[in-house]
Amino acid sequence: MNLKKYGIDKNHFLEKDFINKRCYLLPFAIVNSNCEEIDLYNTNCPGQASIYKPNDYLLDQKMYQYNLIKVPSFTLFDLLSIIDYEKIDYIEFIKVDIQGADLDCIRSGKNLLCDKVVYICMEDEVKYSSGNNNSLFEMDKYMNSINFKKINLKTTNYPTYLNDRYKHLYPPEDYNITCIQYN
């Protein structure tokens, strides 16, 4: 099977690492609003671009420098809506690591997450950016409200959730579903 993986990242350093592994980078931001374009804090630290400003401590310590760039933006619902669901039954795994905006991204998926996604993994990150709604508590609360239950997997250290609708697909390895974190 020729799996296709899509990565969304403005950091071009990732391109050579992912393209050879059948991952296609799409240079835009996923947000929880209807804006067509958004400011992105593009930092000198690989993997740390965010819609949220890096926190003051990291800036004061000269750990990060950034420049603001404008990037196109979409909701997760918009992105998932372009998939032809007559050809696939469900999306096996979504991994989100977007520097403090993970929960915003998931919230923008609306009902398509509940209908079409089996596993979701997010990073509970509140230390690198000024985004503050990405705590484990807030993630658990929201995911439970949309019938995703937290599970433990050997392949990821980040919080991972299983859609109640697809609980028959647990554990993922028994169904040839790959749930991993890249970093």
C-alpha atoms as a PDB file:
ATOM      1  CA  MET A   1       0.000   0.000   0.000  1.00  0.00           C
ATOM      2  CA  ASN A   2       1.333   3.442  -0.897  1.00  0.00           C
ATOM      3  CA  LEU A   3       0.420   5.559   2.099  1.00  0.00           C
ATOM      4  CA  LYS A   4       0.286   9.296   1.696  1.00  0.00           C
ATOM      5  CA  LYS A   5       1.050  11.504   4.636  1.00  0.00           C
ATOM      6  CA  TYR A   6       0.466  15.213   4.661  1.00  0.00           C
ATOM      7  CA  GLY A   7       2.411  17.624   6.794  1.00  0.00           C
ATOM      8  CA  ILE A   8       1.467  21.223   7.264  1.00  0.00           C
ATOM      9  CA  ASP A   9       4.430  23.391   8.122  1.00  0.00           C
ATOM     10  CA  LYS A  10       5.912  26.682   6.991  1.00  0.00           C
ATOM     11  CA  ASN A  11       9.416  25.537   7.986  1.00  0.00           C
ATOM     12  CA  HIS A  12      11.123  24.556   4.750  1.00  0.00           C
ATOM     13  CA  PHE A  13      13.890  22.646   6.546  1.00  0.00           C
ATOM     14  CA  LEU A  14      11.411  19.808   7.003  1.00  0.00           C
ATOM     15  CA  GLU A  15      10.789  19.401   3.296  1.00  0.00           C
ATOM     16  CA  LYS A  16      13.745  17.182   2.431  1.00  0.00           C
ATOM     17  CA  ASP A  17      13.146  14.980   5.492  1.00  0.00           C
ATOM     18  CA  PHE A  18       9.512  14.356   4.690  1.00  0.00           C
ATOM     19  CA  ILE A  19       9.246  14.270   0.908  1.00  0.00           C
ATOM     20  CA  ASN A  20      11.382  11.137   0.652  1.00  0.00           C
ATOM     21  CA  LYS A  21       9.084   9.424   3.137  1.00  0.00           C
ATOM     22  CA  ARG A  22       5.915  10.096   1.112  1.00  0.00           C
ATOM     23  CA  CYS A  23       4.842  13.104   3.106  1.00  0.00           C
ATOM     24  CA  TYR A  24       3.705  16.217   1.325  1.00  0.00           C
ATOM     25  CA  LEU A  25       4.188  19.557   3.034  1.00  0.00           C
ATOM     26  CA  LEU A  26       1.438  22.104   2.686  1.00  0.00           C
ATOM     27  CA  PRO A  27       2.617  25.607   3.699  1.00  0.00           C
ATOM     28  CA  PHE A  28      -0.356  27.054   5.555  1.00  0.00           C
ATOM     29  CA  ALA A  29      -1.777  27.368   9.058  1.00  0.00           C
ATOM     30  CA  ILE A  30      -4.770  25.557  10.517  1.00  0.00           C
ATOM     31  CA  VAL A  31      -6.768  27.921  12.713  1.00  0.00           C
ATOM     32  CA  ASN A  32     -10.097  28.032  14.509  1.00  0.00           C
ATOM     33  CA  SER A  33     -11.486  31.016  12.598  1.00  0.00           C
ATOM     34  CA  ASN A  34     -12.595  31.961   9.120  1.00  0.00           C
ATOM     35  CA  CYS A  35      -9.673  34.264   8.353  1.00  0.00           C
ATOM     36  CA  GLU A  36      -8.013  33.631   4.987  1.00  0.00           C
ATOM     37  CA  GLU A  37      -4.565  34.682   6.134  1.00  0.00           C
ATOM     38  CA  ILE A  38      -2.822  34.852   9.490  1.00  0.00           C
ATOM     39  CA  ASP A  39       0.413  36.130  11.025  1.00  0.00           C
ATOM     40  CA  LEU A  40       2.823  33.320  11.812  1.00  0.00           C
ATOM     41  CA  TYR A  41       5.768  33.712  14.165  1.00  0.00           C
ATOM     42  CA  ASN A  42       8.459  32.038  12.092  1.00  0.00           C
ATOM     43  CA  THR A  43      11.304  31.329  14.522  1.00  0.00           C
ATOM     44  CA  ASN A  44      14.947  30.413  14.062  1.00  0.00           C
ATOM     45  CA  CYS A  45      14.280  27.222  16.017  1.00  0.00           C
ATOM     46  CA  PRO A  46      13.212  24.352  13.746  1.00  0.00           C
ATOM     47  CA  GLY A  47       9.682  23.188  14.383  1.00  0.00           C
ATOM     48  CA  GLN A  48       8.684  26.146  16.535  1.00  0.00           C
ATOM     49  CA  ALA A  49       6.660  28.313  14.122  1.00  0.00           C
ATOM     50  CA  SER A  50       3.325  29.279  15.657  1.00  0.00           C
ATOM     51  CA  ILE A  51       0.371  31.609  15.398  1.00  0.00           C
ATOM     52  CA  TYR A  52       1.309  32.516  18.973  1.00  0.00           C
ATOM     53  CA  LYS A  53       4.295  34.657  19.857  1.00  0.00           C
ATOM     54  CA  PRO A  54       7.162  32.760  21.518  1.00  0.00           C
ATOM     55  CA  ASN A  55       7.018  33.340  25.258  1.00  0.00           C
ATOM     56  CA  ASP A  56       8.974  36.231  26.751  1.00  0.00           C
ATOM     57  CA  TYR A  57      11.386  34.012  28.679  1.00  0.00           C
ATOM     58  CA  LEU A  58      12.640  32.344  25.504  1.00  0.00           C
ATOM     59  CA  LEU A  59      12.927  35.690  23.754  1.00  0.00           C
ATOM     60  CA  ASP A  60      14.756  37.285  26.719  1.00  0.00           C
ATOM     61  CA  GLN A  61      17.217  34.383  26.840  1.00  0.00           C
ATOM     62  CA  LYS A  62      17.884  34.877  23.111  1.00  0.00           C
ATOM     63  CA  MET A  63      16.809  31.291  22.552  1.00  0.00           C
ATOM     64  CA  TYR A  64      14.395  32.389  19.825  1.00  0.00           C
ATOM     65  CA  GLN A  65      14.345  35.075  17.252  1.00  0.00           C
ATOM     66  CA  TYR A  66      11.391  35.398  14.965  1.00  0.00           C
ATOM     67  CA  ASN A  67       9.948  37.260  12.070  1.00  0.00           C
ATOM     68  CA  LEU A  68       6.259  37.633  11.342  1.00  0.00           C
ATOM     69  CA  ILE A  69       5.102  36.286   8.019  1.00  0.00           C
ATOM     70  CA  LYS A  70       1.651  36.073   6.494  1.00  0.00           C
ATOM     71  CA  VAL A  71       0.461  32.586   5.553  1.00  0.00           C
ATOM     72  CA  PRO A  72      -2.815  31.284   4.147  1.00  0.00           C
ATOM     73  CA  SER A  73      -5.037  29.721   6.785  1.00  0.00           C
ATOM     74  CA  PHE A  74      -7.827  27.177   6.851  1.00  0.00           C
ATOM     75  CA  THR A  75      -9.828  25.343   9.461  1.00  0.00           C
ATOM     76  CA  LEU A  76      -9.326  21.629   9.981  1.00  0.00           C
ATOM     77  CA  PHE A  77     -12.935  21.219   8.829  1.00  0.00           C
ATOM     78  CA  ASP A  78     -12.030  22.902   5.509  1.00  0.00           C
ATOM     79  CA  LEU A  79      -9.052  20.618   5.076  1.00  0.00           C
ATOM     80  CA  LEU A  80     -10.935  17.437   5.961  1.00  0.00           C
ATOM     81  CA  SER A  81     -13.861  18.430   3.738  1.00  0.00           C
ATOM     82  CA  ILE A  82     -11.822  18.006   0.559  1.00  0.00           C
ATOM     83  CA  ILE A  83     -11.320  14.287   1.193  1.00  0.00           C
ATOM     84  CA  ASP A  84     -13.417  11.936  -0.902  1.00  0.00           C
ATOM     85  CA  TYR A  85     -15.087   9.842   1.814  1.00  0.00           C
ATOM     86  CA  GLU A  86     -16.634   7.547  -0.770  1.00  0.00           C
ATOM     87  CA  LYS A  87     -13.127   6.174  -1.326  1.00  0.00           C
ATOM     88  CA  ILE A  88     -12.099   5.857   2.323  1.00  0.00           C
ATOM     89  CA  ASP A  89     -14.088   4.840   5.378  1.00  0.00           C
ATOM     90  CA  TYR A  90     -12.187   6.922   7.902  1.00  0.00           C
ATOM     91  CA  ILE A  91      -8.976   8.766   8.678  1.00  0.00           C
ATOM     92  CA  GLU A  92      -6.854   6.522  10.852  1.00  0.00           C
ATOM     93  CA  PHE A  93      -4.659   9.019  12.664  1.00  0.00           C
ATOM     94  CA  ILE A  94      -4.185  12.766  12.991  1.00  0.00           C
ATOM     95  CA  LYS A  95      -1.151  14.051  14.847  1.00  0.00           C
ATOM     96  CA  VAL A  96      -1.128  17.745  15.742  1.00  0.00           C
ATOM     97  CA  ASP A  97       1.943  19.579  17.036  1.00  0.00           C
ATOM     98  CA  ILE A  98       1.519  23.265  16.343  1.00  0.00           C
ATOM     99  CA  GLN A  99       3.116  25.063  19.233  1.00  0.00           C
ATOM    100  CA  GLY A 100       0.305  25.971  21.579  1.00  0.00           C
ATOM    101  CA  ALA A 101      -2.523  25.961  19.016  1.00  0.00           C
ATOM    102  CA  ASP A 102      -3.180  22.207  18.917  1.00  0.00           C
ATOM    103  CA  LEU A 103      -6.521  22.356  20.691  1.00  0.00           C
ATOM    104  CA  ASP A 104      -7.658  25.322  18.565  1.00  0.00           C
ATOM    105  CA  CYS A 105      -6.871  23.265  15.481  1.00  0.00           C
ATOM    106  CA  ILE A 106      -8.850  20.265  16.724  1.00  0.00           C
ATOM    107  CA  ARG A 107     -11.803  22.458  17.694  1.00  0.00           C
ATOM    108  CA  SER A 108     -11.905  23.734  14.114  1.00  0.00           C
ATOM    109  CA  GLY A 109     -12.560  20.178  12.854  1.00  0.00           C
ATOM    110  CA  LYS A 110     -16.164  20.217  14.027  1.00  0.00           C
ATOM    111  CA  ASN A 111     -18.292  17.167  13.292  1.00  0.00           C
ATOM    112  CA  LEU A 112     -15.931  15.658  10.742  1.00  0.00           C
ATOM    113  CA  LEU A 113     -13.630  14.556  13.566  1.00  0.00           C
ATOM    114  CA  CYS A 114     -16.451  12.713  15.299  1.00  0.00           C
ATOM    115  CA  ASP A 115     -17.626  11.110  12.075  1.00  0.00           C
ATOM    116  CA  LYS A 116     -14.394  10.281  10.273  1.00  0.00           C
ATOM    117  CA  VAL A 117     -11.304  10.228  12.524  1.00  0.00           C
ATOM    118  CA  VAL A 118     -10.230   7.232  14.620  1.00  0.00           C
ATOM    119  CA  TYR A 119      -7.193   8.503  16.583  1.00  0.00           C
ATOM    120  CA  ILE A 120      -6.025  12.029  17.421  1.00  0.00           C
ATOM    121  CA  CYS A 121      -2.701  12.859  19.041  1.00  0.00           C
ATOM    122  CA  MET A 122      -1.812  16.372  20.269  1.00  0.00           C
ATOM    123  CA  GLU A 123       1.068  17.973  22.080  1.00  0.00           C
ATOM    124  CA  ASP A 124       0.103  19.478  25.428  1.00  0.00           C
ATOM    125  CA  GLU A 125       2.504  22.368  25.071  1.00  0.00           C
ATOM    126  CA  VAL A 126       2.286  25.573  27.055  1.00  0.00           C
ATOM    127  CA  LYS A 127       5.938  26.440  27.635  1.00  0.00           C
ATOM    128  CA  TYR A 128       7.192  27.681  24.242  1.00  0.00           C
ATOM    129  CA  SER A 129       4.464  30.044  23.107  1.00  0.00           C
ATOM    130  CA  SER A 130       2.067  32.580  24.537  1.00  0.00           C
ATOM    131  CA  GLY A 131      -0.892  30.322  23.688  1.00  0.00           C
ATOM    132  CA  ASN A 132      -2.391  29.177  26.977  1.00  0.00           C
ATOM    133  CA  ASN A 133      -5.359  26.957  26.136  1.00  0.00           C
ATOM    134  CA  ASN A 134      -3.299  23.901  25.265  1.00  0.00           C
ATOM    135  CA  SER A 135      -3.094  22.300  28.689  1.00  0.00           C
ATOM    136  CA  LEU A 136      -3.658  18.608  29.198  1.00  0.00           C
ATOM    137  CA  PHE A 137      -6.707  19.421  31.336  1.00  0.00           C
ATOM    138  CA  GLU A 138      -8.323  21.494  28.556  1.00  0.00           C
ATOM    139  CA  MET A 139      -7.497  18.841  25.951  1.00  0.00           C
ATOM    140  CA  ASP A 140      -9.001  16.030  28.022  1.00  0.00           C
ATOM    141  CA  LYS A 141     -12.111  18.081  28.768  1.00  0.00           C
ATOM    142  CA  TYR A 142     -12.752  18.960  25.124  1.00  0.00           C
ATOM    143  CA  MET A 143     -11.930  15.535  23.713  1.00  0.00           C
ATOM    144  CA  ASN A 144     -14.262  13.866  26.217  1.00  0.00           C
ATOM    145  CA  SER A 145     -17.016  16.295  25.198  1.00  0.00           C
ATOM    146  CA  ILE A 146     -16.791  15.044  21.587  1.00  0.00           C
ATOM    147  CA  ASN A 147     -16.572  11.356  22.626  1.00  0.00           C
ATOM    148  CA  PHE A 148     -12.849  10.772  22.229  1.00  0.00           C
ATOM    149  CA  LYS A 149     -11.315   8.865  25.150  1.00  0.00           C
ATOM    150  CA  LYS A 150      -7.708   9.181  26.210  1.00  0.00           C
ATOM    151  CA  ILE A 151      -5.615   6.068  25.645  1.00  0.00           C
ATOM    152  CA  ASN A 152      -2.003   5.061  26.186  1.00  0.00           C
ATOM    153  CA  LEU A 153       0.057   3.888  23.241  1.00  0.00           C
ATOM    154  CA  LYS A 154       3.647   2.640  23.213  1.00  0.00           C
ATOM    155  CA  THR A 155       4.364   4.602  20.026  1.00  0.00           C
ATOM    156  CA  THR A 156       3.721   8.120  21.299  1.00  0.00           C
ATOM    157  CA  ASN A 157       4.326  10.076  24.496  1.00  0.00           C
ATOM    158  CA  TYR A 158       1.793  12.772  23.605  1.00  0.00           C
ATOM    159  CA  PRO A 159      -1.850  12.655  24.663  1.00  0.00           C
ATOM    160  CA  THR A 160      -3.698  10.381  22.247  1.00  0.00           C
ATOM    161  CA  TYR A 161      -7.444   9.935  21.982  1.00  0.00           C
ATOM    162  CA  LEU A 162      -9.634   7.214  20.474  1.00  0.00           C
ATOM    163  CA  ASN A 163     -12.996   8.060  18.948  1.00  0.00           C
ATOM    164  CA  ASP A 164     -15.707   6.097  20.777  1.00  0.00           C
ATOM    165  CA  ARG A 165     -17.326   5.433  17.415  1.00  0.00           C
ATOM    166  CA  TYR A 166     -14.247   3.432  16.368  1.00  0.00           C
ATOM    167  CA  LYS A 167     -13.355   1.771  19.664  1.00  0.00           C
ATOM    168  CA  HIS A 168     -13.491  -1.576  17.850  1.00  0.00           C
ATOM    169  CA  LEU A 169     -10.224  -0.472  16.119  1.00  0.00           C
ATOM    170  CA  TYR A 170      -8.223  -0.643  19.354  1.00  0.00           C
ATOM    171  CA  PRO A 171      -5.396  -1.453  19.699  1.00  0.00           C
ATOM    172  CA  PRO A 172      -4.264   0.200  16.454  1.00  0.00           C
ATOM    173  CA  GLU A 173      -1.497  -2.285  15.650  1.00  0.00           C
ATOM    174  CA  ASP A 174      -4.075  -5.101  15.463  1.00  0.00           C
ATOM    175  CA  TYR A 175      -5.720  -3.217  12.583  1.00  0.00           C
ATOM    176  CA  ASN A 176      -2.558  -2.128  10.755  1.00  0.00           C
ATOM    177  CA  ILE A 177      -3.031   1.475  11.909  1.00  0.00           C
ATOM    178  CA  THR A 178       0.187   3.373  12.549  1.00  0.00           C
ATOM    179  CA  CYS A 179       0.052   5.933  15.374  1.00  0.00           C
ATOM    180  CA  ILE A 180       3.456   7.490  15.919  1.00  0.00           C
ATOM    181  CA  GLN A 181       4.943  10.807  16.838  1.00  0.00           C
ATOM    182  CA  TYR A 182       7.671  11.975  14.495  1.00  0.00           C
ATOM    183  CA  ASN A 183       9.765  13.860  17.027  1.00  0.00           C
END
